[in-house]
Amino acid sequence: MANIKSAKKRILVTETKAARNKAIRSKVKTMMKKVDAAVAAGDKAAAQVCLTAAISEIEKAASKGVYHANNASRKVSKLSKAVNSMA
């Protein structure tokens, strides 16, 4: 355990940021699962709505530094491709 005041503060700040990042990543994963579920069900309208929401969350996460820009782009591309490939 840290003894120095600044080190103790860093530990607290790191825990706070880690919790925030975990919540954001969890929300992105949930949105992606909703898109995948809509695609699997064959509901194109629902998939489009879920895709829009998912892209928004992914972009927000990337802007906050939770995901690297390329990683976010790859996620958006994967979801878009799945929705666009529906009949």
Protein backbone atom coordinates (compact mmCIF):
# COMPACT_ATOMS: atom_id res chain seq x y z
CA MET A 1 0.00 0.00 0.00
CA ALA A 2 1.21 3.50 -0.79
CA ASN A 3 2.37 5.76 2.05
CA ILE A 4 2.87 8.99 0.14
CA LYS A 5 -0.17 11.26 -0.13
CA SER A 6 0.18 11.82 -3.88
CA ALA A 7 0.53 8.07 -4.49
CA LYS A 8 -2.63 7.41 -2.47
CA LYS A 9 -4.44 10.00 -4.59
CA ARG A 10 -3.20 8.38 -7.81
CA ILE A 11 -4.62 5.05 -6.65
CA LEU A 12 -8.03 6.61 -6.01
CA VAL A 13 -8.03 8.47 -9.32
CA THR A 14 -6.99 5.34 -11.22
CA GLU A 15 -9.79 3.31 -9.62
CA THR A 16 -12.33 5.99 -10.54
CA LYS A 17 -11.14 6.16 -14.15
CA ALA A 18 -11.04 2.36 -14.44
CA ALA A 19 -14.64 2.10 -13.20
CA ARG A 20 -15.74 4.77 -15.71
CA ASN A 21 -13.97 3.04 -18.58
CA LYS A 22 -15.45 -0.32 -17.59
CA ALA A 23 -18.97 1.15 -17.58
CA ILE A 24 -18.47 2.73 -21.00
CA ARG A 25 -17.05 -0.50 -22.49
CA SER A 26 -19.95 -2.46 -21.01
CA LYS A 27 -22.49 -0.08 -22.56
CA VAL A 28 -20.79 -0.36 -25.98
CA LYS A 29 -20.83 -4.17 -25.77
CA THR A 30 -24.53 -4.14 -24.84
CA MET A 31 -25.35 -1.92 -27.82
CA MET A 32 -23.36 -4.19 -30.14
CA LYS A 33 -25.23 -7.25 -28.81
CA LYS A 34 -28.56 -5.50 -29.51
CA VAL A 35 -27.53 -4.92 -33.13
CA ASP A 36 -26.37 -8.53 -33.49
CA ALA A 37 -29.65 -9.79 -32.00
CA ALA A 38 -31.71 -7.67 -34.41
CA VAL A 39 -29.63 -8.93 -37.36
CA ALA A 40 -30.05 -12.55 -36.20
CA ALA A 41 -33.81 -12.03 -35.88
CA GLY A 42 -33.92 -10.57 -39.39
CA ASP A 43 -35.54 -7.31 -38.28
CA LYS A 44 -33.89 -4.71 -40.52
CA ALA A 45 -35.78 -1.71 -39.07
CA ALA A 46 -34.79 -2.57 -35.50
CA ALA A 47 -31.23 -3.29 -36.64
CA GLN A 48 -30.98 0.17 -38.23
CA VAL A 49 -32.23 1.88 -35.05
CA CYS A 50 -29.88 -0.15 -32.85
CA LEU A 51 -26.99 0.49 -35.27
CA THR A 52 -27.44 4.25 -35.02
CA ALA A 53 -27.44 4.10 -31.22
CA ALA A 54 -24.45 1.75 -31.17
CA ILE A 55 -22.39 3.95 -33.50
CA SER A 56 -23.13 6.93 -31.28
CA GLU A 57 -21.94 5.08 -28.16
CA ILE A 58 -18.82 3.77 -29.91
CA GLU A 59 -17.88 7.25 -31.14
CA LYS A 60 -18.42 8.71 -27.66
CA ALA A 61 -16.18 6.02 -26.16
CA ALA A 62 -13.48 6.75 -28.75
CA SER A 63 -13.66 10.49 -28.09
CA LYS A 64 -13.21 9.86 -24.35
CA GLY A 65 -10.17 7.71 -25.01
CA VAL A 66 -11.72 4.42 -23.90
CA TYR A 67 -11.16 2.93 -27.37
CA HIS A 68 -8.45 3.74 -29.89
CA ALA A 69 -9.83 5.44 -33.00
CA ASN A 70 -9.00 2.46 -35.23
CA ASN A 71 -10.64 0.03 -32.81
CA ALA A 72 -13.82 2.14 -32.76
CA SER A 73 -13.77 2.38 -36.56
CA ARG A 74 -13.41 -1.40 -36.82
CA LYS A 75 -16.40 -1.95 -34.51
CA VAL A 76 -18.56 0.48 -36.50
CA SER A 77 -17.52 -1.15 -39.76
CA LYS A 78 -18.31 -4.65 -38.48
CA LEU A 79 -21.79 -3.64 -37.31
CA SER A 80 -22.56 -1.63 -40.46
CA LYS A 81 -21.49 -4.52 -42.65
CA ALA A 82 -23.76 -6.91 -40.74
CA VAL A 83 -26.80 -4.61 -41.04
CA ASN A 84 -26.14 -3.74 -44.71
CA SER A 85 -25.78 -7.42 -45.66
CA MET A 86 -29.35 -8.13 -44.54
CA ALA A 87 -31.76 -8.95 -47.34
